Amino acid sequence: MKDFWKKQIEKKWKLVFLAPMDWYWDSAYRQAMKRISPDIICVSEFYSADWLVHSKLLADSVLPHTESENPLIIQIFWKDPEMFAQAAKIISNPKYNIAWIDINMWCPAKKVVRSWHGSCLLINEQTAFAIVKAMNEATHLPISVKTRLSFDWNQDLINFVKWLEAAWASLVTIHGRTAKQAYTWKADFTNIYELKKHVSIPVICNWDIMNYDDGMKKVQNLDWIMIGRWSFGNPWCFLAGEYHPTLSELLDQMEFHALKLVETKWEKKWNLEIRKHLVQYLKFFPGVKAYRKRLVTTDSFENTQNILNDVREEYKQHLDKKPGLGELDFLKDSVEKKED
């Protein structure tokens, strides 16, 4: 099992991963992405190892998933090797059917760094190595790490990853910024390309990758790519050829995503979460402003269906048009007059 990645490299195709993002990449989101792009590999939202160990309720709510999400990576964060090891044992329970475990050494959030979690492990190297070693001893699942170029440019990425490899990390993903840069500045993959020359484990590049075609231009000597925020409202970004969906496809996908949230979340939580996704799907649709208020205040699946059906009815002559290619731009004048 732990040589999984080497076997994938031998197949010589470029895998695409859905990057982990807290409060977004839940089961419904993963199912929505894989409905359009079934070959992607999903990384979960990141969970606290401490919470997983001390809350069976949390483990039983976030680790179970549908068959369509396989193979699923679970990402966890914390700072104590023993707690990581205990969490790894829980995640490894066959009933959860998790493919492998990823360690969060990349998150730059101040509250995370202040607690010595996430990207702070870049300046606590011995702890980072001890975490990987402890987890490998605790589970049969492969262990991978997601990290950054450095914390503040005062760390050596190559040596850091070589030590992770020595501690039996089987794969590493590099976010193309430092922790101090957080989410500002443009991603720089130069040091990641150099890193790959010095390690034998697979290396994935992440950030500022807009779609599959963009990723294939940037991957160079690296093994695979990871896409995150560019998938908002656009599960088609994982497909080769920069696919642009029709208005009908967008509406069907929105309905599917809403349904999966209903199936996986309790009603109040569903109400809050579906709203942030709906407008994203229609961001290129000229009529979205006319429906925005209804989309961001929807309070039931039935209400969401009614909104989507109203769009279908009003634009029934244009359902085969592709908003992303500007094929509905001719509607802007009429839409703006209606809004006025």
C-alpha atoms as a PDB file:
ATOM      1  CA  MET A   1       0.000   0.000   0.000  1.00  0.00           C
ATOM      2  CA  LYS A   2       2.765   2.456   0.863  1.00  0.00           C
ATOM      3  CA  ASP A   3       4.291   2.144  -2.611  1.00  0.00           C
ATOM      4  CA  PHE A   4       1.008   3.363  -4.139  1.00  0.00           C
ATOM      5  CA  TRP A   5       2.539   6.534  -5.570  1.00  0.00           C
ATOM      6  CA  LYS A   6       5.485   4.822  -7.206  1.00  0.00           C
ATOM      7  CA  LYS A   7       3.031   2.584  -9.034  1.00  0.00           C
ATOM      8  CA  GLN A   8       1.136   5.646 -10.238  1.00  0.00           C
ATOM      9  CA  ILE A   9       4.362   7.208 -11.549  1.00  0.00           C
ATOM     10  CA  GLU A  10       5.065   4.066 -13.556  1.00  0.00           C
ATOM     11  CA  LYS A  11       1.760   4.595 -15.404  1.00  0.00           C
ATOM     12  CA  LYS A  12       3.219   7.890 -16.654  1.00  0.00           C
ATOM     13  CA  TRP A  13       0.013   9.931 -16.650  1.00  0.00           C
ATOM     14  CA  LYS A  14      -0.480  13.245 -14.885  1.00  0.00           C
ATOM     15  CA  LEU A  15      -2.887  12.975 -11.963  1.00  0.00           C
ATOM     16  CA  VAL A  16      -4.936  15.974 -10.870  1.00  0.00           C
ATOM     17  CA  PHE A  17      -5.832  16.602  -7.241  1.00  0.00           C
ATOM     18  CA  LEU A  18      -8.521  18.693  -5.580  1.00  0.00           C
ATOM     19  CA  ALA A  19      -6.650  20.766  -2.989  1.00  0.00           C
ATOM     20  CA  PRO A  20      -7.769  20.812   0.655  1.00  0.00           C
ATOM     21  CA  MET A  21      -9.693  23.895   1.765  1.00  0.00           C
ATOM     22  CA  ASP A  22     -11.383  24.314   5.131  1.00  0.00           C
ATOM     23  CA  TRP A  23     -15.169  24.895   5.049  1.00  0.00           C
ATOM     24  CA  TYR A  24     -15.422  23.974   1.371  1.00  0.00           C
ATOM     25  CA  TRP A  25     -14.195  20.498   0.475  1.00  0.00           C
ATOM     26  CA  ASP A  26     -16.887  18.489   2.276  1.00  0.00           C
ATOM     27  CA  SER A  27     -18.449  15.313   0.901  1.00  0.00           C
ATOM     28  CA  ALA A  28     -21.040  17.226  -1.156  1.00  0.00           C
ATOM     29  CA  TYR A  29     -18.356  19.366  -2.805  1.00  0.00           C
ATOM     30  CA  ARG A  30     -16.207  16.334  -3.591  1.00  0.00           C
ATOM     31  CA  GLN A  31     -19.178  14.508  -5.117  1.00  0.00           C
ATOM     32  CA  ALA A  32     -20.050  17.581  -7.183  1.00  0.00           C
ATOM     33  CA  MET A  33     -16.492  17.814  -8.522  1.00  0.00           C
ATOM     34  CA  LYS A  34     -16.252  14.101  -9.297  1.00  0.00           C
ATOM     35  CA  ARG A  35     -19.617  14.078 -11.055  1.00  0.00           C
ATOM     36  CA  ILE A  36     -17.941  16.104 -13.809  1.00  0.00           C
ATOM     37  CA  SER A  37     -14.325  14.972 -13.371  1.00  0.00           C
ATOM     38  CA  PRO A  38     -14.399  11.416 -11.949  1.00  0.00           C
ATOM     39  CA  ASP A  39     -10.650  10.845 -12.352  1.00  0.00           C
ATOM     40  CA  ILE A  40      -9.508  13.556  -9.922  1.00  0.00           C
ATOM     41  CA  ILE A  41      -8.190  12.623  -6.483  1.00  0.00           C
ATOM     42  CA  CYS A  42      -9.754  14.517  -3.596  1.00  0.00           C
ATOM     43  CA  VAL A  43      -8.117  15.772  -0.418  1.00  0.00           C
ATOM     44  CA  SER A  44     -10.547  16.504   2.393  1.00  0.00           C
ATOM     45  CA  GLU A  45     -10.981  19.633   4.461  1.00  0.00           C
ATOM     46  CA  PHE A  46      -8.319  19.565   7.161  1.00  0.00           C
ATOM     47  CA  TYR A  47      -9.303  18.214  10.558  1.00  0.00           C
ATOM     48  CA  SER A  48      -7.643  18.505  13.935  1.00  0.00           C
ATOM     49  CA  ALA A  49      -5.937  15.290  14.994  1.00  0.00           C
ATOM     50  CA  ASP A  50      -6.901  16.169  18.569  1.00  0.00           C
ATOM     51  CA  TRP A  51     -10.584  16.447  17.673  1.00  0.00           C
ATOM     52  CA  LEU A  52     -10.572  13.145  15.799  1.00  0.00           C
ATOM     53  CA  VAL A  53      -9.019  11.395  18.798  1.00  0.00           C
ATOM     54  CA  HIS A  54     -11.361  12.916  21.385  1.00  0.00           C
ATOM     55  CA  SER A  55     -14.592  13.009  19.406  1.00  0.00           C
ATOM     56  CA  LYS A  56     -16.004   9.799  17.954  1.00  0.00           C
ATOM     57  CA  LEU A  57     -18.912  11.921  16.731  1.00  0.00           C
ATOM     58  CA  LEU A  58     -16.547  14.012  14.573  1.00  0.00           C
ATOM     59  CA  ALA A  59     -14.770  10.960  13.195  1.00  0.00           C
ATOM     60  CA  ASP A  60     -18.060   9.301  12.320  1.00  0.00           C
ATOM     61  CA  SER A  61     -19.326  12.451  10.626  1.00  0.00           C
ATOM     62  CA  VAL A  62     -16.307  13.444   8.480  1.00  0.00           C
ATOM     63  CA  LEU A  63     -14.551  10.164   7.648  1.00  0.00           C
ATOM     64  CA  PRO A  64     -17.432   8.204   6.071  1.00  0.00           C
ATOM     65  CA  HIS A  65     -17.915   9.038   2.392  1.00  0.00           C
ATOM     66  CA  THR A  66     -19.500   7.768  -0.781  1.00  0.00           C
ATOM     67  CA  GLU A  67     -17.882   5.320  -3.170  1.00  0.00           C
ATOM     68  CA  SER A  68     -17.766   8.036  -5.830  1.00  0.00           C
ATOM     69  CA  GLU A  69     -15.237   9.986  -3.707  1.00  0.00           C
ATOM     70  CA  ASN A  70     -12.666   7.180  -3.684  1.00  0.00           C
ATOM     71  CA  PRO A  71      -9.746   7.222  -3.358  1.00  0.00           C
ATOM     72  CA  LEU A  72     -10.092   9.814  -0.575  1.00  0.00           C
ATOM     73  CA  ILE A  73      -7.211  11.516   1.247  1.00  0.00           C
ATOM     74  CA  ILE A  74      -7.838  12.815   4.756  1.00  0.00           C
ATOM     75  CA  GLN A  75      -5.724  15.804   5.792  1.00  0.00           C
ATOM     76  CA  ILE A  76      -5.065  16.459   9.488  1.00  0.00           C
ATOM     77  CA  PHE A  77      -3.175  19.073  11.483  1.00  0.00           C
ATOM     78  CA  TRP A  78      -1.739  19.314  15.001  1.00  0.00           C
ATOM     79  CA  LYS A  79       1.695  19.592  16.605  1.00  0.00           C
ATOM     80  CA  ASP A  80       2.161  16.497  18.774  1.00  0.00           C
ATOM     81  CA  PRO A  81       3.530  13.306  17.127  1.00  0.00           C
ATOM     82  CA  GLU A  82       1.672  11.046  19.549  1.00  0.00           C
ATOM     83  CA  MET A  83      -1.650  12.737  18.815  1.00  0.00           C
ATOM     84  CA  PHE A  84      -0.991  12.370  15.092  1.00  0.00           C
ATOM     85  CA  ALA A  85      -0.278   8.669  15.615  1.00  0.00           C
ATOM     86  CA  GLN A  86      -3.525   8.152  17.528  1.00  0.00           C
ATOM     87  CA  ALA A  87      -5.482   9.976  14.843  1.00  0.00           C
ATOM     88  CA  ALA A  88      -3.804   7.853  12.152  1.00  0.00           C
ATOM     89  CA  LYS A  89      -5.009   4.688  13.891  1.00  0.00           C
ATOM     90  CA  ILE A  90      -8.586   5.999  13.898  1.00  0.00           C
ATOM     91  CA  ILE A  91      -8.465   7.046  10.239  1.00  0.00           C
ATOM     92  CA  SER A  92      -7.009   3.635   9.351  1.00  0.00           C
ATOM     93  CA  ASN A  93     -10.110   1.808  10.573  1.00  0.00           C
ATOM     94  CA  PRO A  94     -11.253  -0.266   7.562  1.00  0.00           C
ATOM     95  CA  LYS A  95     -14.856   0.883   8.036  1.00  0.00           C
ATOM     96  CA  TYR A  96     -13.856   4.367   6.828  1.00  0.00           C
ATOM     97  CA  ASN A  97     -12.072   3.115   3.683  1.00  0.00           C
ATOM     98  CA  ILE A  98      -9.568   6.000   3.589  1.00  0.00           C
ATOM     99  CA  ALA A  99      -6.822   5.679   0.952  1.00  0.00           C
ATOM    100  CA  TRP A 100      -4.085   7.584   2.770  1.00  0.00           C
ATOM    101  CA  ILE A 101      -3.372  10.471   5.166  1.00  0.00           C
ATOM    102  CA  ASP A 102      -1.933  13.898   4.442  1.00  0.00           C
ATOM    103  CA  ILE A 103      -0.260  16.143   7.031  1.00  0.00           C
ATOM    104  CA  ASN A 104      -0.993  19.856   7.005  1.00  0.00           C
ATOM    105  CA  MET A 105       2.334  21.714   7.166  1.00  0.00           C
ATOM    106  CA  TRP A 106       1.165  24.546   4.912  1.00  0.00           C
ATOM    107  CA  CYS A 107      -1.654  26.541   6.580  1.00  0.00           C
ATOM    108  CA  PRO A 108      -0.444  30.132   7.296  1.00  0.00           C
ATOM    109  CA  ALA A 109      -3.464  31.269   9.363  1.00  0.00           C
ATOM    110  CA  LYS A 110      -2.274  33.256  12.393  1.00  0.00           C
ATOM    111  CA  LYS A 111      -4.300  31.222  14.895  1.00  0.00           C
ATOM    112  CA  VAL A 112      -2.818  28.024  13.443  1.00  0.00           C
ATOM    113  CA  VAL A 113       0.776  29.318  13.468  1.00  0.00           C
ATOM    114  CA  ARG A 114       0.429  30.726  17.000  1.00  0.00           C
ATOM    115  CA  SER A 115      -0.543  27.232  18.149  1.00  0.00           C
ATOM    116  CA  TRP A 116       2.570  25.744  16.463  1.00  0.00           C
ATOM    117  CA  HIS A 117       0.530  23.896  13.861  1.00  0.00           C
ATOM    118  CA  GLY A 118       0.433  24.048  10.067  1.00  0.00           C
ATOM    119  CA  SER A 119       3.240  25.987   8.369  1.00  0.00           C
ATOM    120  CA  CYS A 120       4.913  26.561  11.724  1.00  0.00           C
ATOM    121  CA  LEU A 121       6.287  23.018  11.399  1.00  0.00           C
ATOM    122  CA  LEU A 122       8.639  24.386   8.736  1.00  0.00           C
ATOM    123  CA  ILE A 123      10.614  26.029  11.564  1.00  0.00           C
ATOM    124  CA  ASN A 124      10.134  23.076  13.918  1.00  0.00           C
ATOM    125  CA  GLU A 125      11.811  20.510  11.723  1.00  0.00           C
ATOM    126  CA  GLN A 126      12.473  17.831  14.311  1.00  0.00           C
ATOM    127  CA  THR A 127       8.813  17.818  15.301  1.00  0.00           C
ATOM    128  CA  ALA A 128       7.805  17.608  11.642  1.00  0.00           C
ATOM    129  CA  PHE A 129      10.033  14.599  11.061  1.00  0.00           C
ATOM    130  CA  ALA A 130       8.858  12.948  14.299  1.00  0.00           C
ATOM    131  CA  ILE A 131       5.226  13.359  13.212  1.00  0.00           C
ATOM    132  CA  VAL A 132       5.802  11.565   9.900  1.00  0.00           C
ATOM    133  CA  LYS A 133       7.765   8.786  11.600  1.00  0.00           C
ATOM    134  CA  ALA A 134       5.157   8.293  14.330  1.00  0.00           C
ATOM    135  CA  MET A 135       2.323   8.125  11.828  1.00  0.00           C
ATOM    136  CA  ASN A 136       4.121   5.599   9.643  1.00  0.00           C
ATOM    137  CA  GLU A 137       4.600   3.376  12.650  1.00  0.00           C
ATOM    138  CA  ALA A 138       0.913   3.721  13.581  1.00  0.00           C
ATOM    139  CA  THR A 139      -0.751   2.923  10.257  1.00  0.00           C
ATOM    140  CA  HIS A 140      -0.525   0.811   7.138  1.00  0.00           C
ATOM    141  CA  LEU A 141      -1.764   3.767   5.068  1.00  0.00           C
ATOM    142  CA  PRO A 142       0.654   5.938   3.041  1.00  0.00           C
ATOM    143  CA  ILE A 143       1.597   9.269   4.618  1.00  0.00           C
ATOM    144  CA  SER A 144       2.054  12.451   2.594  1.00  0.00           C
ATOM    145  CA  VAL A 145       2.785  16.080   3.458  1.00  0.00           C
ATOM    146  CA  LYS A 146       1.544  19.375   2.098  1.00  0.00           C
ATOM    147  CA  THR A 147       3.848  22.304   2.837  1.00  0.00           C
ATOM    148  CA  ARG A 148       5.189  25.595   1.430  1.00  0.00           C
ATOM    149  CA  LEU A 149       8.431  26.872  -0.107  1.00  0.00           C
ATOM    150  CA  SER A 150       9.530  27.875   3.396  1.00  0.00           C
ATOM    151  CA  PHE A 151       8.214  29.813   6.358  1.00  0.00           C
ATOM    152  CA  ASP A 152      10.013  33.113   5.712  1.00  0.00           C
ATOM    153  CA  TRP A 153      12.743  32.250   3.152  1.00  0.00           C
ATOM    154  CA  ASN A 154      15.134  31.271   5.951  1.00  0.00           C
ATOM    155  CA  GLN A 155      14.499  27.530   5.594  1.00  0.00           C
ATOM    156  CA  ASP A 156      15.979  25.063   3.108  1.00  0.00           C
ATOM    157  CA  LEU A 157      13.147  23.375   1.207  1.00  0.00           C
ATOM    158  CA  ILE A 158      15.325  20.666  -0.297  1.00  0.00           C
ATOM    159  CA  ASN A 159      16.798  19.542   3.004  1.00  0.00           C
ATOM    160  CA  PHE A 160      13.394  19.729   4.691  1.00  0.00           C
ATOM    161  CA  VAL A 161      11.747  17.453   2.122  1.00  0.00           C
ATOM    162  CA  LYS A 162      14.722  15.074   2.036  1.00  0.00           C
ATOM    163  CA  TRP A 163      14.299  14.620   5.782  1.00  0.00           C
ATOM    164  CA  LEU A 164      10.552  14.063   5.335  1.00  0.00           C
ATOM    165  CA  GLU A 165      11.382  11.434   2.740  1.00  0.00           C
ATOM    166  CA  ALA A 166      13.816   9.792   5.163  1.00  0.00           C
ATOM    167  CA  ALA A 167      11.021   9.709   7.759  1.00  0.00           C
ATOM    168  CA  TRP A 168       8.941   7.764   5.185  1.00  0.00           C
ATOM    169  CA  ALA A 169       6.743  10.456   3.708  1.00  0.00           C
ATOM    170  CA  SER A 170       5.637   8.918   0.399  1.00  0.00           C
ATOM    171  CA  LEU A 171       4.605  12.122  -1.387  1.00  0.00           C
ATOM    172  CA  VAL A 172       4.876  15.887  -0.917  1.00  0.00           C
ATOM    173  CA  THR A 173       2.763  18.773  -2.210  1.00  0.00           C
ATOM    174  CA  ILE A 174       4.341  22.227  -2.338  1.00  0.00           C
ATOM    175  CA  HIS A 175       2.269  25.402  -2.262  1.00  0.00           C
ATOM    176  CA  GLY A 176       4.254  27.920  -4.320  1.00  0.00           C
ATOM    177  CA  ARG A 177       4.532  30.623  -1.633  1.00  0.00           C
ATOM    178  CA  THR A 178       6.096  31.043   1.778  1.00  0.00           C
ATOM    179  CA  ALA A 179       3.971  31.037   4.914  1.00  0.00           C
ATOM    180  CA  LYS A 180       4.689  34.734   5.398  1.00  0.00           C
ATOM    181  CA  GLN A 181       3.345  35.453   1.909  1.00  0.00           C
ATOM    182  CA  ALA A 182       0.169  33.565   2.844  1.00  0.00           C
ATOM    183  CA  TYR A 183      -2.123  34.007  -0.181  1.00  0.00           C
ATOM    184  CA  THR A 184      -0.523  37.132  -1.614  1.00  0.00           C
ATOM    185  CA  TRP A 185       2.091  37.293  -4.408  1.00  0.00           C
ATOM    186  CA  LYS A 186       2.106  35.075  -7.433  1.00  0.00           C
ATOM    187  CA  ALA A 187       3.076  31.449  -6.971  1.00  0.00           C
ATOM    188  CA  ASP A 188       6.705  30.626  -7.838  1.00  0.00           C
ATOM    189  CA  PHE A 189       7.467  27.034  -8.808  1.00  0.00           C
ATOM    190  CA  THR A 190      11.192  27.543  -9.513  1.00  0.00           C
ATOM    191  CA  ASN A 191      12.324  26.048  -6.197  1.00  0.00           C
ATOM    192  CA  ILE A 192       9.819  23.212  -6.556  1.00  0.00           C
ATOM    193  CA  TYR A 193      11.295  22.234  -9.928  1.00  0.00           C
ATOM    194  CA  GLU A 194      14.739  22.212  -8.303  1.00  0.00           C
ATOM    195  CA  LEU A 195      13.473  20.186  -5.341  1.00  0.00           C
ATOM    196  CA  LYS A 196      12.277  17.399  -7.632  1.00  0.00           C
ATOM    197  CA  LYS A 197      15.841  16.838  -8.817  1.00  0.00           C
ATOM    198  CA  HIS A 198      16.901  15.907  -5.276  1.00  0.00           C
ATOM    199  CA  VAL A 199      14.145  13.561  -4.060  1.00  0.00           C
ATOM    200  CA  SER A 200      12.696  10.306  -5.329  1.00  0.00           C
ATOM    201  CA  ILE A 201       9.152  10.668  -3.970  1.00  0.00           C
ATOM    202  CA  PRO A 202       6.422  12.286  -6.115  1.00  0.00           C
ATOM    203  CA  VAL A 203       6.164  16.090  -5.939  1.00  0.00           C
ATOM    204  CA  ILE A 204       2.907  17.963  -6.611  1.00  0.00           C
ATOM    205  CA  CYS A 205       2.703  21.696  -7.355  1.00  0.00           C
ATOM    206  CA  ASN A 206      -0.173  23.782  -6.031  1.00  0.00           C
ATOM    207  CA  TRP A 207      -1.599  27.323  -6.295  1.00  0.00           C
ATOM    208  CA  ASP A 208      -2.307  29.685  -9.199  1.00  0.00           C
ATOM    209  CA  ILE A 209      -3.195  26.720 -11.409  1.00  0.00           C
ATOM    210  CA  MET A 210      -6.388  27.740 -13.203  1.00  0.00           C
ATOM    211  CA  ASN A 211      -7.269  24.508 -14.997  1.00  0.00           C
ATOM    212  CA  TYR A 212      -5.876  21.258 -16.379  1.00  0.00           C
ATOM    213  CA  ASP A 213      -4.295  22.836 -19.463  1.00  0.00           C
ATOM    214  CA  ASP A 214      -2.651  25.546 -17.360  1.00  0.00           C
ATOM    215  CA  GLY A 215      -1.368  22.837 -15.011  1.00  0.00           C
ATOM    216  CA  MET A 216       0.174  20.850 -17.854  1.00  0.00           C
ATOM    217  CA  LYS A 217       2.147  23.949 -18.834  1.00  0.00           C
ATOM    218  CA  LYS A 218       3.402  24.446 -15.285  1.00  0.00           C
ATOM    219  CA  VAL A 219       4.033  20.862 -14.178  1.00  0.00           C
ATOM    220  CA  GLN A 220       7.344  20.492 -16.116  1.00  0.00           C
ATOM    221  CA  ASN A 221       9.510  17.934 -14.287  1.00  0.00           C
ATOM    222  CA  LEU A 222       7.051  17.533 -11.413  1.00  0.00           C
ATOM    223  CA  ASP A 223       4.731  14.587 -11.100  1.00  0.00           C
ATOM    224  CA  TRP A 224       1.218  15.964 -10.708  1.00  0.00           C
ATOM    225  CA  ILE A 225      -0.844  19.112 -10.131  1.00  0.00           C
ATOM    226  CA  MET A 226      -3.327  20.278  -7.512  1.00  0.00           C
ATOM    227  CA  ILE A 227      -6.169  22.756  -8.128  1.00  0.00           C
ATOM    228  CA  GLY A 228      -8.155  24.502  -5.413  1.00  0.00           C
ATOM    229  CA  ARG A 229      -9.937  27.854  -5.592  1.00  0.00           C
ATOM    230  CA  TRP A 230     -10.281  27.784  -9.394  1.00  0.00           C
ATOM    231  CA  SER A 231     -12.730  24.913  -8.964  1.00  0.00           C
ATOM    232  CA  PHE A 232     -15.271  27.206  -7.266  1.00  0.00           C
ATOM    233  CA  GLY A 233     -18.373  26.798  -9.411  1.00  0.00           C
ATOM    234  CA  ASN A 234     -16.214  25.141 -12.076  1.00  0.00           C
ATOM    235  CA  PRO A 235     -15.694  21.375 -11.744  1.00  0.00           C
ATOM    236  CA  TRP A 236     -14.945  21.473 -15.493  1.00  0.00           C
ATOM    237  CA  CYS A 237     -11.541  23.065 -14.727  1.00  0.00           C
ATOM    238  CA  PHE A 238     -10.113  19.559 -14.225  1.00  0.00           C
ATOM    239  CA  LEU A 239     -10.881  18.554 -17.821  1.00  0.00           C
ATOM    240  CA  ALA A 240      -8.407  18.892 -20.674  1.00  0.00           C
ATOM    241  CA  GLY A 241      -9.253  21.452 -23.317  1.00  0.00           C
ATOM    242  CA  GLU A 242     -10.703  24.217 -21.115  1.00  0.00           C
ATOM    243  CA  TYR A 243     -14.250  22.921 -21.288  1.00  0.00           C
ATOM    244  CA  HIS A 244     -17.002  25.558 -21.026  1.00  0.00           C
ATOM    245  CA  PRO A 245     -20.397  24.260 -19.853  1.00  0.00           C
ATOM    246  CA  THR A 246     -23.731  25.379 -21.255  1.00  0.00           C
ATOM    247  CA  LEU A 247     -26.249  27.232 -19.090  1.00  0.00           C
ATOM    248  CA  SER A 248     -28.261  24.004 -18.897  1.00  0.00           C
ATOM    249  CA  GLU A 249     -25.221  22.068 -17.630  1.00  0.00           C
ATOM    250  CA  LEU A 250     -24.530  24.747 -15.028  1.00  0.00           C
ATOM    251  CA  LEU A 251     -28.087  24.635 -13.700  1.00  0.00           C
ATOM    252  CA  ASP A 252     -28.076  20.825 -13.549  1.00  0.00           C
ATOM    253  CA  GLN A 253     -24.760  20.874 -11.672  1.00  0.00           C
ATOM    254  CA  MET A 254     -26.084  23.450  -9.184  1.00  0.00           C
ATOM    255  CA  GLU A 255     -29.102  21.260  -8.491  1.00  0.00           C
ATOM    256  CA  PHE A 256     -26.899  18.192  -8.013  1.00  0.00           C
ATOM    257  CA  HIS A 257     -24.588  20.057  -5.597  1.00  0.00           C
ATOM    258  CA  ALA A 258     -27.557  21.362  -3.613  1.00  0.00           C
ATOM    259  CA  LEU A 259     -29.063  17.880  -3.397  1.00  0.00           C
ATOM    260  CA  LYS A 260     -25.813  16.367  -2.107  1.00  0.00           C
ATOM    261  CA  LEU A 261     -25.619  19.045   0.583  1.00  0.00           C
ATOM    262  CA  VAL A 262     -29.173  18.168   1.647  1.00  0.00           C
ATOM    263  CA  GLU A 263     -28.186  14.519   1.886  1.00  0.00           C
ATOM    264  CA  THR A 264     -25.018  15.148   3.912  1.00  0.00           C
ATOM    265  CA  LYS A 265     -25.797  18.169   6.144  1.00  0.00           C
ATOM    266  CA  TRP A 266     -28.499  19.045   8.640  1.00  0.00           C
ATOM    267  CA  GLU A 267     -30.912  21.680   7.322  1.00  0.00           C
ATOM    268  CA  LYS A 268     -29.644  24.838   9.027  1.00  0.00           C
ATOM    269  CA  LYS A 269     -26.044  24.096   8.040  1.00  0.00           C
ATOM    270  CA  TRP A 270     -27.165  23.292   4.491  1.00  0.00           C
ATOM    271  CA  ASN A 271     -28.921  26.670   4.257  1.00  0.00           C
ATOM    272  CA  LEU A 272     -25.721  28.510   5.130  1.00  0.00           C
ATOM    273  CA  GLU A 273     -23.385  26.451   2.956  1.00  0.00           C
ATOM    274  CA  ILE A 274     -25.282  26.148  -0.333  1.00  0.00           C
ATOM    275  CA  ARG A 275     -25.526  29.926  -0.716  1.00  0.00           C
ATOM    276  CA  LYS A 276     -21.770  30.446  -1.094  1.00  0.00           C
ATOM    277  CA  HIS A 277     -21.657  27.908  -3.944  1.00  0.00           C
ATOM    278  CA  LEU A 278     -24.684  28.838  -6.058  1.00  0.00           C
ATOM    279  CA  VAL A 279     -23.581  32.277  -7.265  1.00  0.00           C
ATOM    280  CA  GLN A 280     -20.109  30.901  -8.082  1.00  0.00           C
ATOM    281  CA  TYR A 281     -21.613  28.580 -10.680  1.00  0.00           C
ATOM    282  CA  LEU A 282     -23.349  31.495 -12.412  1.00  0.00           C
ATOM    283  CA  LYS A 283     -20.536  34.038 -12.198  1.00  0.00           C
ATOM    284  CA  PHE A 284     -20.337  34.390 -16.018  1.00  0.00           C
ATOM    285  CA  PHE A 285     -24.095  34.416 -16.528  1.00  0.00           C
ATOM    286  CA  PRO A 286     -25.308  37.960 -17.415  1.00  0.00           C
ATOM    287  CA  GLY A 287     -28.563  37.425 -15.496  1.00  0.00           C
ATOM    288  CA  VAL A 288     -26.964  36.389 -12.208  1.00  0.00           C
ATOM    289  CA  LYS A 289     -27.503  39.805 -10.602  1.00  0.00           C
ATOM    290  CA  ALA A 290     -31.234  39.492 -11.095  1.00  0.00           C
ATOM    291  CA  TYR A 291     -31.187  36.204  -9.189  1.00  0.00           C
ATOM    292  CA  ARG A 292     -28.400  36.934  -6.676  1.00  0.00           C
ATOM    293  CA  LYS A 293     -30.664  37.982  -3.797  1.00  0.00           C
ATOM    294  CA  ARG A 294     -32.751  34.838  -4.150  1.00  0.00           C
ATOM    295  CA  LEU A 295     -29.697  32.606  -4.496  1.00  0.00           C
ATOM    296  CA  VAL A 296     -27.953  33.930  -1.376  1.00  0.00           C
ATOM    297  CA  THR A 297     -31.085  33.764   0.775  1.00  0.00           C
ATOM    298  CA  THR A 298     -32.454  30.379  -0.293  1.00  0.00           C
ATOM    299  CA  ASP A 299     -33.588  28.416   2.740  1.00  0.00           C
ATOM    300  CA  SER A 300     -34.620  25.031   1.358  1.00  0.00           C
ATOM    301  CA  PHE A 301     -33.853  22.601  -1.442  1.00  0.00           C
ATOM    302  CA  GLU A 302     -37.354  23.175  -2.819  1.00  0.00           C
ATOM    303  CA  ASN A 303     -36.735  26.921  -2.894  1.00  0.00           C
ATOM    304  CA  THR A 304     -33.420  26.390  -4.691  1.00  0.00           C
ATOM    305  CA  GLN A 305     -35.130  24.183  -7.274  1.00  0.00           C
ATOM    306  CA  ASN A 306     -37.742  26.879  -7.847  1.00  0.00           C
ATOM    307  CA  ILE A 307     -35.034  29.481  -8.481  1.00  0.00           C
ATOM    308  CA  LEU A 308     -33.207  27.223 -10.914  1.00  0.00           C
ATOM    309  CA  ASN A 309     -36.454  26.374 -12.713  1.00  0.00           C
ATOM    310  CA  ASP A 310     -37.229  30.076 -13.016  1.00  0.00           C
ATOM    311  CA  VAL A 311     -33.849  30.594 -14.710  1.00  0.00           C
ATOM    312  CA  ARG A 312     -34.563  27.647 -17.018  1.00  0.00           C
ATOM    313  CA  GLU A 313     -37.939  29.078 -17.933  1.00  0.00           C
ATOM    314  CA  GLU A 314     -36.802  32.665 -18.456  1.00  0.00           C
ATOM    315  CA  TYR A 315     -33.814  31.634 -20.579  1.00  0.00           C
ATOM    316  CA  LYS A 316     -35.281  28.500 -22.189  1.00  0.00           C
ATOM    317  CA  GLN A 317     -34.220  29.737 -25.629  1.00  0.00           C
ATOM    318  CA  HIS A 318     -30.606  29.997 -24.498  1.00  0.00           C
ATOM    319  CA  LEU A 319     -29.959  26.885 -22.369  1.00  0.00           C
ATOM    320  CA  ASP A 320     -27.486  25.563 -24.940  1.00  0.00           C
ATOM    321  CA  LYS A 321     -25.360  28.729 -24.788  1.00  0.00           C
ATOM    322  CA  LYS A 322     -22.041  28.851 -22.930  1.00  0.00           C
ATOM    323  CA  PRO A 323     -21.774  31.800 -20.480  1.00  0.00           C
ATOM    324  CA  GLY A 324     -18.043  31.265 -20.025  1.00  0.00           C
ATOM    325  CA  LEU A 325     -17.475  32.002 -23.718  1.00  0.00           C
ATOM    326  CA  GLY A 326     -19.599  35.143 -23.648  1.00  0.00           C
ATOM    327  CA  GLU A 327     -22.346  33.507 -25.726  1.00  0.00           C
ATOM    328  CA  LEU A 328     -24.991  35.166 -23.541  1.00  0.00           C
ATOM    329  CA  ASP A 329     -23.492  38.657 -23.580  1.00  0.00           C
ATOM    330  CA  PHE A 330     -26.208  39.796 -25.973  1.00  0.00           C
ATOM    331  CA  LEU A 331     -28.646  39.454 -23.022  1.00  0.00           C
ATOM    332  CA  LYS A 332     -26.885  42.076 -20.913  1.00  0.00           C
ATOM    333  CA  ASP A 333     -28.901  45.065 -22.149  1.00  0.00           C
ATOM    334  CA  SER A 334     -32.246  43.421 -21.417  1.00  0.00           C
ATOM    335  CA  VAL A 335     -31.019  42.156 -18.039  1.00  0.00           C
ATOM    336  CA  GLU A 336     -29.755  45.580 -16.998  1.00  0.00           C
ATOM    337  CA  LYS A 337     -33.047  47.224 -17.999  1.00  0.00           C
ATOM    338  CA  LYS A 338     -34.949  44.680 -15.943  1.00  0.00           C
ATOM    339  CA  GLU A 339     -32.710  45.324 -12.896  1.00  0.00           C
ATOM    340  CA  ASP A 340     -33.242  49.071 -13.253  1.00  0.00           C
END
